[in-house]
């Protein structure tokens, strides 16, 4: 069975069958293994990008990390450029434009962020934060990740409406005026 599969692979690669095809055999197997590895990585990224968007507004628990310096100025999923001093965040499942409250479970501190990008592309992480937001939460280079709860405050829907999330009920009137900015 394996010989027939190899013969088909060799035929597809344009190689002739011979008993001494050692080097050609190695080259074909190596190139197909490399291709399979690349394909596996691309499929993993595609699965991460195609995660179902969560419009429920429920809280999400997991780990948070922050953007590396190499992402400064790069294009985000919403079309804008990433700025380290912004309140930008990346989520695999929250809709772009979602305003959320991220709480560090170790320190109890919270920050308000806006989901403008997709990611993080690491299992177990629910949000990537801008360096400023991460610093405000107590996440630094030494402690690069932290357990967090992401509570959506305002969740935009495909029809253009915006619904209140689980984090909206936990906001006090003082926090609302601080985060709403000038009118």
Protein backbone atom coordinates (compact mmCIF):
# COMPACT_ATOMS: atom_id res chain seq x y z
CA UNK A 1 0.00 0.00 0.00
CA UNK A 2 2.76 2.41 0.96
CA UNK A 3 4.72 1.59 -2.21
CA UNK A 4 1.69 2.43 -4.34
CA UNK A 5 1.21 5.72 -2.50
CA UNK A 6 4.88 6.58 -3.00
CA UNK A 7 4.66 5.62 -6.67
CA UNK A 8 1.70 7.97 -7.08
CA UNK A 9 3.59 10.76 -5.28
CA UNK A 10 6.65 10.18 -7.47
CA UNK A 11 4.53 10.18 -10.60
CA UNK A 12 2.89 13.43 -9.52
CA UNK A 13 6.32 14.94 -8.91
CA UNK A 14 7.51 13.77 -12.34
CA UNK A 15 10.09 11.34 -10.95
CA UNK A 16 10.79 7.96 -12.49
CA UNK A 17 10.56 4.70 -10.52
CA UNK A 18 13.88 3.03 -9.95
CA UNK A 19 15.33 0.85 -7.26
CA UNK A 20 18.13 3.36 -6.63
CA UNK A 21 15.97 6.47 -6.34
CA UNK A 22 17.38 7.26 -2.89
CA UNK A 23 18.08 10.95 -3.37
CA UNK A 24 14.92 11.60 -5.39
CA UNK A 25 12.90 9.64 -2.83
CA UNK A 26 14.33 11.75 0.03
CA UNK A 27 13.69 15.00 -1.84
CA UNK A 28 10.05 14.14 -2.54
CA UNK A 29 9.32 13.03 1.02
CA UNK A 30 11.08 16.08 2.48
CA UNK A 31 9.27 18.53 0.24
CA UNK A 32 5.89 16.95 0.97
CA UNK A 33 6.57 16.95 4.72
CA UNK A 34 7.54 20.64 4.58
CA UNK A 35 4.44 21.41 2.55
CA UNK A 36 2.25 19.51 5.01
CA UNK A 37 3.73 21.52 7.91
CA UNK A 38 3.03 24.83 6.15
CA UNK A 39 -0.46 23.67 5.27
CA UNK A 40 -1.10 22.65 8.90
CA UNK A 41 -0.03 26.12 10.14
CA UNK A 42 -2.19 27.86 7.53
CA UNK A 43 -5.21 25.76 8.51
CA UNK A 44 -4.66 26.57 12.19
CA UNK A 45 -4.58 30.29 11.42
CA UNK A 46 -7.66 29.98 9.20
CA UNK A 47 -9.53 28.22 12.02
CA UNK A 48 -8.56 31.01 14.41
CA UNK A 49 -9.76 33.65 11.93
CA UNK A 50 -13.00 31.82 11.27
CA UNK A 51 -13.99 31.48 14.94
CA UNK A 52 -17.66 32.23 15.39
CA UNK A 53 -18.34 35.83 16.38
CA UNK A 54 -19.95 35.98 19.82
CA UNK A 55 -22.80 38.51 19.81
CA UNK A 56 -24.15 37.38 23.21
CA UNK A 57 -22.23 39.94 25.28
CA UNK A 58 -21.29 37.30 27.88
CA UNK A 59 -18.11 37.54 29.92
CA UNK A 60 -15.07 35.56 28.77
CA UNK A 61 -12.37 34.27 31.09
CA UNK A 62 -8.86 33.38 30.01
CA UNK A 63 -5.42 34.86 29.71
CA UNK A 64 -4.42 38.23 28.29
CA UNK A 65 -1.19 39.15 26.57
CA UNK A 66 -0.02 42.30 24.84
CA UNK A 67 1.13 43.30 21.38
CA UNK A 68 4.85 42.97 20.68
CA UNK A 69 6.72 46.10 19.49
CA UNK A 70 6.95 44.64 15.95
CA UNK A 71 3.21 45.35 15.48
CA UNK A 72 3.56 49.13 15.92
CA UNK A 73 2.12 50.84 12.86
CA UNK A 74 0.82 47.63 11.29
CA UNK A 75 -2.65 47.41 9.83
CA UNK A 76 -5.34 45.96 12.09
CA UNK A 77 -8.47 44.03 11.09
CA UNK A 78 -10.57 47.20 11.15
CA UNK A 79 -8.24 48.88 8.62
CA UNK A 80 -6.57 51.29 11.06
CA UNK A 81 -2.94 51.31 12.14
CA UNK A 82 -1.90 49.92 15.52
CA UNK A 83 -0.65 52.47 18.05
CA UNK A 84 0.97 51.25 21.30
CA UNK A 85 -0.56 54.08 23.35
CA UNK A 86 -4.13 53.37 22.24
CA UNK A 87 -6.91 51.44 23.92
CA UNK A 88 -6.92 48.84 21.12
CA UNK A 89 -7.41 45.14 21.75
CA UNK A 90 -7.62 41.97 19.68
CA UNK A 91 -10.21 39.24 20.18
CA UNK A 92 -10.91 36.07 18.24
CA UNK A 93 -14.64 36.10 18.95
CA UNK A 94 -15.87 39.57 19.95
CA UNK A 95 -17.12 41.70 17.04
CA UNK A 96 -14.88 44.52 15.85
CA UNK A 97 -15.90 47.75 17.57
CA UNK A 98 -16.88 46.06 20.84
CA UNK A 99 -16.14 48.15 23.92
CA UNK A 100 -15.09 45.89 26.79
CA UNK A 101 -13.90 46.04 30.37
CA UNK A 102 -10.85 43.82 30.98
CA UNK A 103 -10.14 42.93 34.62
CA UNK A 104 -6.87 41.43 35.83
CA UNK A 105 -7.85 38.68 38.29
CA UNK A 106 -4.51 38.90 40.14
CA UNK A 107 -4.61 42.62 40.85
CA UNK A 108 -8.30 43.48 40.51
CA UNK A 109 -7.52 46.43 38.21
CA UNK A 110 -9.62 47.09 35.10
CA UNK A 111 -9.23 48.94 31.82
CA UNK A 112 -11.65 49.84 29.05
CA UNK A 113 -10.60 48.69 25.56
CA UNK A 114 -12.03 48.68 22.05
CA UNK A 115 -11.71 45.54 19.92
CA UNK A 116 -10.13 46.64 16.65
CA UNK A 117 -8.16 43.54 15.63
CA UNK A 118 -8.30 39.74 15.47
CA UNK A 119 -6.18 37.54 17.70
CA UNK A 120 -4.47 36.43 19.85
CA UNK A 121 -3.36 33.44 17.81
CA UNK A 122 -2.33 31.40 20.85
CA UNK A 123 -4.59 28.81 22.49
CA UNK A 124 -5.97 29.79 25.90
CA UNK A 125 -5.65 33.53 25.37
CA UNK A 126 -8.82 35.56 25.01
CA UNK A 127 -7.43 39.03 24.37
CA UNK A 128 -4.32 40.86 23.17
CA UNK A 129 -3.96 44.34 24.64
CA UNK A 130 -2.06 47.44 23.59
CA UNK A 131 1.08 47.95 25.70
CA UNK A 132 -0.50 50.93 27.49
CA UNK A 133 -3.62 48.98 28.46
CA UNK A 134 -1.48 46.02 29.54
CA UNK A 135 0.71 48.26 31.68
CA UNK A 136 -2.39 49.78 33.31
CA UNK A 137 -3.53 46.24 34.15
CA UNK A 138 -0.17 45.31 35.66
CA UNK A 139 1.02 43.19 32.75
CA UNK A 140 4.63 43.93 31.81
CA UNK A 141 7.45 42.21 29.95
CA UNK A 142 8.36 40.23 33.06
CA UNK A 143 4.78 39.02 33.52
CA UNK A 144 3.75 38.82 29.88
CA UNK A 145 0.37 37.18 30.47
CA UNK A 146 -2.26 37.43 33.19
CA UNK A 147 -5.59 35.78 34.00
CA UNK A 148 -8.41 38.13 33.04
CA UNK A 149 -12.13 38.45 32.58
CA UNK A 150 -13.32 40.30 29.48
CA UNK A 151 -16.77 41.82 30.03
CA UNK A 152 -18.26 43.39 26.88
CA UNK A 153 -19.91 46.76 27.56
CA UNK A 154 -21.25 47.59 24.09
CA UNK A 155 -21.52 44.91 21.40
CA UNK A 156 -22.16 46.05 17.80
CA UNK A 157 -24.42 43.77 15.74
CA UNK A 158 -24.41 43.20 11.95
CA UNK A 159 -27.67 45.16 11.52
CA UNK A 160 -25.98 48.31 12.90
CA UNK A 161 -27.54 48.17 16.35
CA UNK A 162 -25.45 48.13 19.53
CA UNK A 163 -26.49 45.95 22.47
CA UNK A 164 -25.38 46.19 26.07
CA UNK A 165 -23.11 43.37 27.24
CA UNK A 166 -22.49 41.79 30.63
CA UNK A 167 -19.98 44.51 31.52
CA UNK A 168 -22.52 47.31 31.05
CA UNK A 169 -24.38 46.41 34.26
CA UNK A 170 -21.16 46.58 36.29
CA UNK A 171 -20.29 50.15 35.26
CA UNK A 172 -20.95 52.90 37.77
CA UNK A 173 -22.13 56.37 36.65
CA UNK A 174 -18.64 57.77 37.41
CA UNK A 175 -17.00 55.25 35.06
CA UNK A 176 -19.55 56.08 32.36
CA UNK A 177 -18.69 59.78 32.40
CA UNK A 178 -14.94 59.06 32.50
CA UNK A 179 -15.04 56.74 29.49
CA UNK A 180 -17.53 58.64 27.37
CA UNK A 181 -15.16 61.57 26.74
CA UNK A 182 -16.16 65.08 25.63
CA UNK A 183 -19.55 65.55 24.08
